[in-house]
Amino acid sequence: MQAASRESYAAARQRLDAYAAQTDADRISATGDELGSVAGLLRHEPRLRRALSDPARSGEDRAALLASLVGDKVGADARELLDTLVSGRWSAPSELLEATERLGVEALLASADRAGELGEVEDELFRFGQVVAGNSELSNTLSDPIAPVAQRAELTGALLSGKSRPVTVKLVEVALAGFGGRSFTGALTRLVELAADRRNRQVAYVTVAAPLADEEEERLGRKLTELYGREVSVKQTVDPTVLGGLRVLIGSDLYDGTVLRRLTDTRNALARG
């Protein structure tokens, strides 16, 4: 987002956080659903996006336009947050859509936080991403842009039923819809990171040949926390092809200490020699 859009989103996010601090989890979750529905409307109505972000219209006029369209389809809580969004200044219509999607996601995460389940939701999203990545047929099915989102959501709902929290299931559906214009797997990854960020943590993606013991994972997490000055949430991926050692990706930083990397470097050095 450009500066004007970031400021407008920040105002809405601040309002959401104040609302979530004094509201029960179920009500926050319902608000997140309503924000997501409006984001879906904006995604499919480019003319509406342009009208609601038109700098030639006053903020009050844009808020009134949205109210006339959604009517009583959303509750008062969602309407107040949407009013804050559309009354702001937007550098591009696409950035209003991005902000509305993001605010809906943040509301769902806030509901999980309020219920004391945010850490579990973060882990469930990551684990489901691992399951999908390990099954090419499932990955292709869930990533198919031609198949209706509702059809794919029915499949993920069945897979996650009784195994994941309701907010996790809702966020997976957000990923299926292409959150932020991303692929399904890319959207899942971003949602894991947003969940961690709400807990004031950074995500470290660790690839190993065999699972780390709990003590090893905790020790690695402590070292990364010391290095980055922020709590780190370690997410393991097991890949036997790395042979040994580990690879850590945190933000844009990559630390590759795998046996495979050392063998590759040695092979390249010998080839140059």
C-alpha atoms as a PDB file:
ATOM      1  CA  MET A   1       0.000   0.000   0.000  1.00  0.00           C
ATOM      2  CA  GLN A   2       1.059   3.584  -0.611  1.00  0.00           C
ATOM      3  CA  ALA A   3       1.264   6.088   2.234  1.00  0.00           C
ATOM      4  CA  ALA A   4      -2.299   7.466   2.066  1.00  0.00           C
ATOM      5  CA  SER A   5      -3.777   3.968   1.963  1.00  0.00           C
ATOM      6  CA  ARG A   6      -1.591   2.791   4.842  1.00  0.00           C
ATOM      7  CA  GLU A   7      -2.832   5.668   6.990  1.00  0.00           C
ATOM      8  CA  SER A   8      -6.469   4.893   6.158  1.00  0.00           C
ATOM      9  CA  TYR A   9      -5.985   1.213   6.949  1.00  0.00           C
ATOM     10  CA  ALA A  10      -4.157   2.022  10.189  1.00  0.00           C
ATOM     11  CA  ALA A  11      -7.140   4.096  11.356  1.00  0.00           C
ATOM     12  CA  ALA A  12      -9.517   1.196  10.702  1.00  0.00           C
ATOM     13  CA  ARG A  13      -7.155  -1.309  12.325  1.00  0.00           C
ATOM     14  CA  GLN A  14      -6.900   0.878  15.424  1.00  0.00           C
ATOM     15  CA  ARG A  15     -10.668   0.986  15.625  1.00  0.00           C
ATOM     16  CA  LEU A  16     -10.871  -2.789  15.222  1.00  0.00           C
ATOM     17  CA  ASP A  17      -8.375  -3.368  18.027  1.00  0.00           C
ATOM     18  CA  ALA A  18     -10.303  -1.057  20.373  1.00  0.00           C
ATOM     19  CA  TYR A  19     -13.545  -2.879  19.500  1.00  0.00           C
ATOM     20  CA  ALA A  20     -11.972  -6.333  19.936  1.00  0.00           C
ATOM     21  CA  ALA A  21     -10.591  -5.413  23.359  1.00  0.00           C
ATOM     22  CA  GLN A  22     -14.098  -5.102  24.781  1.00  0.00           C
ATOM     23  CA  THR A  23     -16.105  -7.591  22.725  1.00  0.00           C
ATOM     24  CA  ASP A  24     -16.592 -11.350  23.044  1.00  0.00           C
ATOM     25  CA  ALA A  25     -14.936 -13.734  20.604  1.00  0.00           C
ATOM     26  CA  ASP A  26     -18.091 -14.922  18.823  1.00  0.00           C
ATOM     27  CA  ARG A  27     -19.232 -11.395  18.087  1.00  0.00           C
ATOM     28  CA  ILE A  28     -15.804 -10.407  16.750  1.00  0.00           C
ATOM     29  CA  SER A  29     -15.784 -13.503  14.549  1.00  0.00           C
ATOM     30  CA  ALA A  30     -19.206 -12.602  13.134  1.00  0.00           C
ATOM     31  CA  THR A  31     -17.905  -9.126  12.348  1.00  0.00           C
ATOM     32  CA  GLY A  32     -14.946 -10.690  10.557  1.00  0.00           C
ATOM     33  CA  ASP A  33     -17.326 -12.786   8.458  1.00  0.00           C
ATOM     34  CA  GLU A  34     -19.277  -9.667   7.485  1.00  0.00           C
ATOM     35  CA  LEU A  35     -16.133  -7.767   6.544  1.00  0.00           C
ATOM     36  CA  GLY A  36     -15.069 -10.738   4.439  1.00  0.00           C
ATOM     37  CA  SER A  37     -18.426 -10.738   2.653  1.00  0.00           C
ATOM     38  CA  VAL A  38     -18.024  -7.070   1.759  1.00  0.00           C
ATOM     39  CA  ALA A  39     -14.486  -7.784   0.547  1.00  0.00           C
ATOM     40  CA  GLY A  40     -15.952 -10.466  -1.710  1.00  0.00           C
ATOM     41  CA  LEU A  41     -18.429  -7.926  -3.090  1.00  0.00           C
ATOM     42  CA  LEU A  42     -15.621  -5.464  -3.800  1.00  0.00           C
ATOM     43  CA  ARG A  43     -13.531  -8.196  -5.441  1.00  0.00           C
ATOM     44  CA  HIS A  44     -16.256  -8.865  -7.998  1.00  0.00           C
ATOM     45  CA  GLU A  45     -17.419  -5.260  -8.492  1.00  0.00           C
ATOM     46  CA  PRO A  46     -14.574  -3.090  -9.831  1.00  0.00           C
ATOM     47  CA  ARG A  47     -16.917  -0.160 -10.486  1.00  0.00           C
ATOM     48  CA  LEU A  48     -17.967  -0.192  -6.849  1.00  0.00           C
ATOM     49  CA  ARG A  49     -14.316  -0.250  -5.745  1.00  0.00           C
ATOM     50  CA  ARG A  50     -13.663   2.806  -7.852  1.00  0.00           C
ATOM     51  CA  ALA A  51     -16.710   4.644  -6.510  1.00  0.00           C
ATOM     52  CA  LEU A  52     -15.843   3.881  -2.886  1.00  0.00           C
ATOM     53  CA  SER A  53     -12.265   5.090  -3.297  1.00  0.00           C
ATOM     54  CA  ASP A  54     -13.021   8.083  -5.538  1.00  0.00           C
ATOM     55  CA  PRO A  55     -11.191  11.121  -4.092  1.00  0.00           C
ATOM     56  CA  ALA A  56     -13.725  13.402  -5.799  1.00  0.00           C
ATOM     57  CA  ARG A  57     -16.415  12.107  -3.420  1.00  0.00           C
ATOM     58  CA  SER A  58     -16.474  13.077   0.231  1.00  0.00           C
ATOM     59  CA  GLY A  59     -15.860  10.403   2.835  1.00  0.00           C
ATOM     60  CA  GLU A  60     -19.435  10.806   4.062  1.00  0.00           C
ATOM     61  CA  ASP A  61     -20.759  10.315   0.533  1.00  0.00           C
ATOM     62  CA  ARG A  62     -18.738   7.125   0.065  1.00  0.00           C
ATOM     63  CA  ALA A  63     -19.871   5.768   3.436  1.00  0.00           C
ATOM     64  CA  ALA A  64     -23.495   6.527   2.537  1.00  0.00           C
ATOM     65  CA  LEU A  65     -23.086   4.751  -0.803  1.00  0.00           C
ATOM     66  CA  LEU A  66     -21.790   1.601   0.863  1.00  0.00           C
ATOM     67  CA  ALA A  67     -24.546   1.733   3.498  1.00  0.00           C
ATOM     68  CA  SER A  68     -27.179   1.937   0.747  1.00  0.00           C
ATOM     69  CA  LEU A  69     -25.753  -1.215  -0.834  1.00  0.00           C
ATOM     70  CA  VAL A  70     -25.163  -3.427   2.190  1.00  0.00           C
ATOM     71  CA  GLY A  71     -28.171  -2.181   4.181  1.00  0.00           C
ATOM     72  CA  ASP A  72     -28.896  -4.510   7.081  1.00  0.00           C
ATOM     73  CA  LYS A  73     -26.819  -7.328   5.602  1.00  0.00           C
ATOM     74  CA  VAL A  74     -24.032  -6.420   8.024  1.00  0.00           C
ATOM     75  CA  GLY A  75     -24.286  -5.495  11.678  1.00  0.00           C
ATOM     76  CA  ALA A  76     -23.581  -2.166  13.304  1.00  0.00           C
ATOM     77  CA  ASP A  77     -20.059  -3.210  14.350  1.00  0.00           C
ATOM     78  CA  ALA A  78     -19.000  -4.074  10.804  1.00  0.00           C
ATOM     79  CA  ARG A  79     -20.680  -0.944   9.426  1.00  0.00           C
ATOM     80  CA  GLU A  80     -18.661   1.298  11.748  1.00  0.00           C
ATOM     81  CA  LEU A  81     -15.431  -0.348  10.651  1.00  0.00           C
ATOM     82  CA  LEU A  82     -16.417  -0.148   6.991  1.00  0.00           C
ATOM     83  CA  ASP A  83     -17.340   3.521   7.393  1.00  0.00           C
ATOM     84  CA  THR A  84     -13.859   4.163   8.740  1.00  0.00           C
ATOM     85  CA  LEU A  85     -12.335   2.359   5.756  1.00  0.00           C
ATOM     86  CA  VAL A  86     -14.296   3.961   2.937  1.00  0.00           C
ATOM     87  CA  SER A  87     -14.110   7.432   4.505  1.00  0.00           C
ATOM     88  CA  GLY A  88     -10.326   7.322   4.250  1.00  0.00           C
ATOM     89  CA  ARG A  89      -8.053   8.270   1.368  1.00  0.00           C
ATOM     90  CA  TRP A  90      -7.027   5.492  -1.018  1.00  0.00           C
ATOM     91  CA  SER A  91      -4.208   5.610  -3.527  1.00  0.00           C
ATOM     92  CA  ALA A  92      -5.929   3.014  -5.730  1.00  0.00           C
ATOM     93  CA  PRO A  93      -9.227   1.087  -5.690  1.00  0.00           C
ATOM     94  CA  SER A  94      -7.285  -2.168  -5.364  1.00  0.00           C
ATOM     95  CA  GLU A  95      -5.838  -0.940  -2.075  1.00  0.00           C
ATOM     96  CA  LEU A  96      -9.315  -0.450  -0.623  1.00  0.00           C
ATOM     97  CA  LEU A  97     -10.055  -4.082  -1.502  1.00  0.00           C
ATOM     98  CA  GLU A  98      -6.771  -5.209   0.042  1.00  0.00           C
ATOM     99  CA  ALA A  99      -7.528  -3.264   3.235  1.00  0.00           C
ATOM    100  CA  THR A 100     -11.049  -4.671   3.531  1.00  0.00           C
ATOM    101  CA  GLU A 101      -9.783  -8.241   3.094  1.00  0.00           C
ATOM    102  CA  ARG A 102      -7.015  -7.654   5.612  1.00  0.00           C
ATOM    103  CA  LEU A 103      -9.363  -6.096   8.174  1.00  0.00           C
ATOM    104  CA  GLY A 104     -11.687  -9.099   7.907  1.00  0.00           C
ATOM    105  CA  VAL A 105      -8.769 -11.442   8.518  1.00  0.00           C
ATOM    106  CA  GLU A 106      -7.539  -9.368  11.449  1.00  0.00           C
ATOM    107  CA  ALA A 107     -11.024  -9.529  12.971  1.00  0.00           C
ATOM    108  CA  LEU A 108     -11.009 -13.331  12.746  1.00  0.00           C
ATOM    109  CA  LEU A 109      -7.549 -13.457  14.291  1.00  0.00           C
ATOM    110  CA  ALA A 110      -8.667 -11.053  17.014  1.00  0.00           C
ATOM    111  CA  SER A 111     -11.578 -13.355  17.816  1.00  0.00           C
ATOM    112  CA  ALA A 112      -9.176 -16.289  18.203  1.00  0.00           C
ATOM    113  CA  ASP A 113      -6.934 -14.134  20.381  1.00  0.00           C
ATOM    114  CA  ARG A 114      -9.890 -13.129  22.528  1.00  0.00           C
ATOM    115  CA  ALA A 115     -10.773 -16.822  22.951  1.00  0.00           C
ATOM    116  CA  GLY A 116      -7.181 -17.685  23.888  1.00  0.00           C
ATOM    117  CA  GLU A 117      -6.778 -19.843  20.772  1.00  0.00           C
ATOM    118  CA  LEU A 118      -4.575 -17.755  18.502  1.00  0.00           C
ATOM    119  CA  GLY A 119      -1.462 -19.913  18.931  1.00  0.00           C
ATOM    120  CA  GLU A 120      -3.459 -23.034  18.107  1.00  0.00           C
ATOM    121  CA  VAL A 121      -4.995 -21.382  15.025  1.00  0.00           C
ATOM    122  CA  GLU A 122      -1.508 -20.399  13.822  1.00  0.00           C
ATOM    123  CA  ASP A 123      -0.291 -23.986  14.203  1.00  0.00           C
ATOM    124  CA  GLU A 124      -3.390 -25.477  12.560  1.00  0.00           C
ATOM    125  CA  LEU A 125      -3.003 -23.248   9.513  1.00  0.00           C
ATOM    126  CA  PHE A 126       0.642 -24.238   9.154  1.00  0.00           C
ATOM    127  CA  ARG A 127      -0.048 -27.948   9.610  1.00  0.00           C
ATOM    128  CA  PHE A 128      -2.840 -27.880   7.044  1.00  0.00           C
ATOM    129  CA  GLY A 129      -0.486 -26.183   4.613  1.00  0.00           C
ATOM    130  CA  GLN A 130       1.966 -29.033   5.211  1.00  0.00           C
ATOM    131  CA  VAL A 131      -0.722 -31.618   4.547  1.00  0.00           C
ATOM    132  CA  VAL A 132      -1.661 -29.904   1.286  1.00  0.00           C
ATOM    133  CA  ALA A 133       1.972 -29.547   0.200  1.00  0.00           C
ATOM    134  CA  GLY A 134       2.522 -33.267   0.787  1.00  0.00           C
ATOM    135  CA  ASN A 135      -0.402 -34.355  -1.389  1.00  0.00           C
ATOM    136  CA  SER A 136      -0.143 -33.197  -5.011  1.00  0.00           C
ATOM    137  CA  GLU A 137      -3.699 -34.255  -5.886  1.00  0.00           C
ATOM    138  CA  LEU A 138      -5.162 -32.327  -2.956  1.00  0.00           C
ATOM    139  CA  SER A 139      -2.932 -29.340  -3.700  1.00  0.00           C
ATOM    140  CA  ASN A 140      -4.049 -29.230  -7.330  1.00  0.00           C
ATOM    141  CA  THR A 141      -7.702 -29.527  -6.334  1.00  0.00           C
ATOM    142  CA  LEU A 142      -7.599 -26.752  -3.746  1.00  0.00           C
ATOM    143  CA  SER A 143      -5.506 -24.466  -5.956  1.00  0.00           C
ATOM    144  CA  ASP A 144      -7.742 -24.865  -9.020  1.00  0.00           C
ATOM    145  CA  PRO A 145      -8.962 -21.332  -9.864  1.00  0.00           C
ATOM    146  CA  ILE A 146     -11.697 -22.710 -12.108  1.00  0.00           C
ATOM    147  CA  ALA A 147     -13.421 -24.714  -9.361  1.00  0.00           C
ATOM    148  CA  PRO A 148     -15.869 -22.589  -7.325  1.00  0.00           C
ATOM    149  CA  VAL A 149     -14.578 -21.470  -3.945  1.00  0.00           C
ATOM    150  CA  ALA A 150     -17.696 -22.877  -2.260  1.00  0.00           C
ATOM    151  CA  GLN A 151     -16.976 -26.311  -3.719  1.00  0.00           C
ATOM    152  CA  ARG A 152     -13.370 -26.280  -2.536  1.00  0.00           C
ATOM    153  CA  ALA A 153     -14.444 -24.894   0.854  1.00  0.00           C
ATOM    154  CA  GLU A 154     -16.781 -27.860   1.270  1.00  0.00           C
ATOM    155  CA  LEU A 155     -13.791 -30.163   0.825  1.00  0.00           C
ATOM    156  CA  THR A 156     -11.574 -28.291   3.300  1.00  0.00           C
ATOM    157  CA  GLY A 157     -14.457 -28.125   5.762  1.00  0.00           C
ATOM    158  CA  ALA A 158     -14.787 -31.895   5.638  1.00  0.00           C
ATOM    159  CA  LEU A 159     -11.028 -32.364   6.034  1.00  0.00           C
ATOM    160  CA  LEU A 160     -10.802 -30.016   9.009  1.00  0.00           C
ATOM    161  CA  SER A 161     -14.076 -30.926  10.726  1.00  0.00           C
ATOM    162  CA  GLY A 162     -13.471 -31.890  14.327  1.00  0.00           C
ATOM    163  CA  LYS A 163      -9.724 -31.356  13.928  1.00  0.00           C
ATOM    164  CA  SER A 164      -9.422 -27.578  13.804  1.00  0.00           C
ATOM    165  CA  ARG A 165     -10.993 -24.550  15.428  1.00  0.00           C
ATOM    166  CA  PRO A 166     -13.804 -22.744  13.584  1.00  0.00           C
ATOM    167  CA  VAL A 167     -11.614 -19.684  12.972  1.00  0.00           C
ATOM    168  CA  THR A 168      -9.012 -21.903  11.291  1.00  0.00           C
ATOM    169  CA  VAL A 169     -11.675 -23.265   8.932  1.00  0.00           C
ATOM    170  CA  LYS A 170     -12.814 -19.718   8.101  1.00  0.00           C
ATOM    171  CA  LEU A 171      -9.266 -18.561   7.410  1.00  0.00           C
ATOM    172  CA  VAL A 172      -8.653 -21.527   5.116  1.00  0.00           C
ATOM    173  CA  GLU A 173     -11.710 -20.390   3.152  1.00  0.00           C
ATOM    174  CA  VAL A 174     -10.176 -16.914   2.952  1.00  0.00           C
ATOM    175  CA  ALA A 175      -7.047 -18.514   1.494  1.00  0.00           C
ATOM    176  CA  LEU A 176      -9.145 -20.430  -1.038  1.00  0.00           C
ATOM    177  CA  ALA A 177     -10.577 -17.121  -2.253  1.00  0.00           C
ATOM    178  CA  GLY A 178      -7.042 -15.905  -2.985  1.00  0.00           C
ATOM    179  CA  PHE A 179      -6.342 -13.603  -0.045  1.00  0.00           C
ATOM    180  CA  GLY A 180      -4.423 -10.582  -1.293  1.00  0.00           C
ATOM    181  CA  GLY A 181      -4.286 -11.966  -4.838  1.00  0.00           C
ATOM    182  CA  ARG A 182      -2.082 -14.850  -3.700  1.00  0.00           C
ATOM    183  CA  SER A 183      -2.149 -18.532  -4.575  1.00  0.00           C
ATOM    184  CA  PHE A 184      -3.824 -20.822  -2.057  1.00  0.00           C
ATOM    185  CA  THR A 185      -0.523 -21.939  -0.530  1.00  0.00           C
ATOM    186  CA  GLY A 186       0.834 -18.403  -0.588  1.00  0.00           C
ATOM    187  CA  ALA A 187      -2.286 -17.134   1.163  1.00  0.00           C
ATOM    188  CA  LEU A 188      -2.007 -19.832   3.853  1.00  0.00           C
ATOM    189  CA  THR A 189       1.594 -18.837   4.502  1.00  0.00           C
ATOM    190  CA  ARG A 190       0.634 -15.181   4.812  1.00  0.00           C
ATOM    191  CA  LEU A 191      -2.163 -16.029   7.242  1.00  0.00           C
ATOM    192  CA  VAL A 192       0.270 -17.978   9.429  1.00  0.00           C
ATOM    193  CA  GLU A 193       2.525 -14.915   9.507  1.00  0.00           C
ATOM    194  CA  LEU A 194      -0.348 -12.555  10.360  1.00  0.00           C
ATOM    195  CA  ALA A 195      -1.396 -14.839  13.212  1.00  0.00           C
ATOM    196  CA  ALA A 196       2.169 -14.812  14.530  1.00  0.00           C
ATOM    197  CA  ASP A 197       2.410 -11.054  14.116  1.00  0.00           C
ATOM    198  CA  ARG A 198      -0.721 -10.533  16.217  1.00  0.00           C
ATOM    199  CA  ARG A 199       1.084 -12.474  18.937  1.00  0.00           C
ATOM    200  CA  ASN A 200       4.081 -10.162  18.381  1.00  0.00           C
ATOM    201  CA  ARG A 201       6.107 -13.006  16.926  1.00  0.00           C
ATOM    202  CA  GLN A 202       8.089 -13.631  13.772  1.00  0.00           C
ATOM    203  CA  VAL A 203       7.908 -16.936  11.891  1.00  0.00           C
ATOM    204  CA  ALA A 204      10.991 -19.034  11.225  1.00  0.00           C
ATOM    205  CA  TYR A 205      10.506 -21.752   8.598  1.00  0.00           C
ATOM    206  CA  VAL A 206      12.931 -24.549   9.437  1.00  0.00           C
ATOM    207  CA  THR A 207      13.648 -27.399   7.006  1.00  0.00           C
ATOM    208  CA  VAL A 208      15.256 -30.534   8.459  1.00  0.00           C
ATOM    209  CA  ALA A 209      15.919 -34.100   7.337  1.00  0.00           C
ATOM    210  CA  ALA A 210      14.271 -35.487  10.489  1.00  0.00           C
ATOM    211  CA  PRO A 211      12.028 -33.778  13.059  1.00  0.00           C
ATOM    212  CA  LEU A 212      13.760 -31.774  15.760  1.00  0.00           C
ATOM    213  CA  ALA A 213      13.183 -32.906  19.319  1.00  0.00           C
ATOM    214  CA  ASP A 214      11.143 -30.527  21.453  1.00  0.00           C
ATOM    215  CA  GLU A 215      14.271 -29.425  23.319  1.00  0.00           C
ATOM    216  CA  GLU A 216      16.121 -28.738  20.050  1.00  0.00           C
ATOM    217  CA  GLU A 217      13.215 -26.721  18.680  1.00  0.00           C
ATOM    218  CA  GLU A 218      12.982 -24.678  21.873  1.00  0.00           C
ATOM    219  CA  ARG A 219      16.734 -24.047  21.867  1.00  0.00           C
ATOM    220  CA  LEU A 220      16.614 -22.904  18.238  1.00  0.00           C
ATOM    221  CA  GLY A 221      13.669 -20.641  19.007  1.00  0.00           C
ATOM    222  CA  ARG A 222      15.570 -19.035  21.899  1.00  0.00           C
ATOM    223  CA  LYS A 223      18.646 -18.414  19.734  1.00  0.00           C
ATOM    224  CA  LEU A 224      16.574 -16.812  16.971  1.00  0.00           C
ATOM    225  CA  THR A 225      14.711 -14.699  19.517  1.00  0.00           C
ATOM    226  CA  GLU A 226      18.031 -13.422  20.842  1.00  0.00           C
ATOM    227  CA  LEU A 227      19.241 -12.714  17.307  1.00  0.00           C
ATOM    228  CA  TYR A 228      16.131 -10.865  16.136  1.00  0.00           C
ATOM    229  CA  GLY A 229      15.056  -9.256  19.401  1.00  0.00           C
ATOM    230  CA  ARG A 230      11.539 -10.595  18.990  1.00  0.00           C
ATOM    231  CA  GLU A 231       9.812 -13.850  19.910  1.00  0.00           C
ATOM    232  CA  VAL A 232      10.116 -16.378  17.093  1.00  0.00           C
ATOM    233  CA  SER A 233       7.601 -19.065  16.186  1.00  0.00           C
ATOM    234  CA  VAL A 234       9.430 -22.089  14.726  1.00  0.00           C
ATOM    235  CA  LYS A 235       7.649 -24.018  11.973  1.00  0.00           C
ATOM    236  CA  GLN A 236       9.278 -27.297  10.944  1.00  0.00           C
ATOM    237  CA  THR A 237       9.193 -28.923   7.521  1.00  0.00           C
ATOM    238  CA  VAL A 238      10.719 -32.397   7.184  1.00  0.00           C
ATOM    239  CA  ASP A 239      12.528 -32.969   3.888  1.00  0.00           C
ATOM    240  CA  PRO A 240      14.833 -36.039   3.799  1.00  0.00           C
ATOM    241  CA  THR A 241      16.518 -34.754   0.619  1.00  0.00           C
ATOM    242  CA  VAL A 242      18.450 -32.138   2.638  1.00  0.00           C
ATOM    243  CA  LEU A 243      20.297 -35.148   4.185  1.00  0.00           C
ATOM    244  CA  GLY A 244      21.159 -33.422   7.470  1.00  0.00           C
ATOM    245  CA  GLY A 245      21.633 -30.072   9.160  1.00  0.00           C
ATOM    246  CA  LEU A 246      18.934 -27.454   8.804  1.00  0.00           C
ATOM    247  CA  ARG A 247      17.781 -24.532   6.679  1.00  0.00           C
ATOM    248  CA  VAL A 248      16.133 -21.529   8.338  1.00  0.00           C
ATOM    249  CA  LEU A 249      14.118 -18.892   6.506  1.00  0.00           C
ATOM    250  CA  ILE A 250      13.007 -15.920   8.593  1.00  0.00           C
ATOM    251  CA  GLY A 251      11.718 -12.894   6.772  1.00  0.00           C
ATOM    252  CA  SER A 252      14.102 -12.361   3.852  1.00  0.00           C
ATOM    253  CA  ASP A 253      17.014 -13.978   5.689  1.00  0.00           C
ATOM    254  CA  LEU A 254      18.061 -17.496   4.706  1.00  0.00           C
ATOM    255  CA  TYR A 255      20.522 -19.582   6.714  1.00  0.00           C
ATOM    256  CA  ASP A 256      21.336 -22.823   4.930  1.00  0.00           C
ATOM    257  CA  GLY A 257      23.454 -25.241   6.939  1.00  0.00           C
ATOM    258  CA  THR A 258      22.157 -28.420   5.340  1.00  0.00           C
ATOM    259  CA  VAL A 259      24.395 -31.254   4.194  1.00  0.00           C
ATOM    260  CA  LEU A 260      22.859 -30.924   0.728  1.00  0.00           C
ATOM    261  CA  ARG A 261      23.941 -27.284   0.531  1.00  0.00           C
ATOM    262  CA  ARG A 262      27.497 -28.128   1.617  1.00  0.00           C
ATOM    263  CA  LEU A 263      27.706 -30.947  -0.934  1.00  0.00           C
ATOM    264  CA  THR A 264      26.392 -28.638  -3.658  1.00  0.00           C
ATOM    265  CA  ASP A 265      28.930 -25.947  -2.748  1.00  0.00           C
ATOM    266  CA  THR A 266      31.730 -28.510  -2.781  1.00  0.00           C
ATOM    267  CA  ARG A 267      30.624 -29.878  -6.150  1.00  0.00           C
ATOM    268  CA  ASN A 268      30.481 -26.381  -7.617  1.00  0.00           C
ATOM    269  CA  ALA A 269      33.937 -25.546  -6.239  1.00  0.00           C
ATOM    270  CA  LEU A 270      35.406 -28.695  -7.769  1.00  0.00           C
ATOM    271  CA  ALA A 271      33.753 -27.917 -11.120  1.00  0.00           C
ATOM    272  CA  ARG A 272      35.279 -24.433 -11.127  1.00  0.00           C
ATOM    273  CA  GLY A 273      38.662 -25.849 -10.226  1.00  0.00           C
END
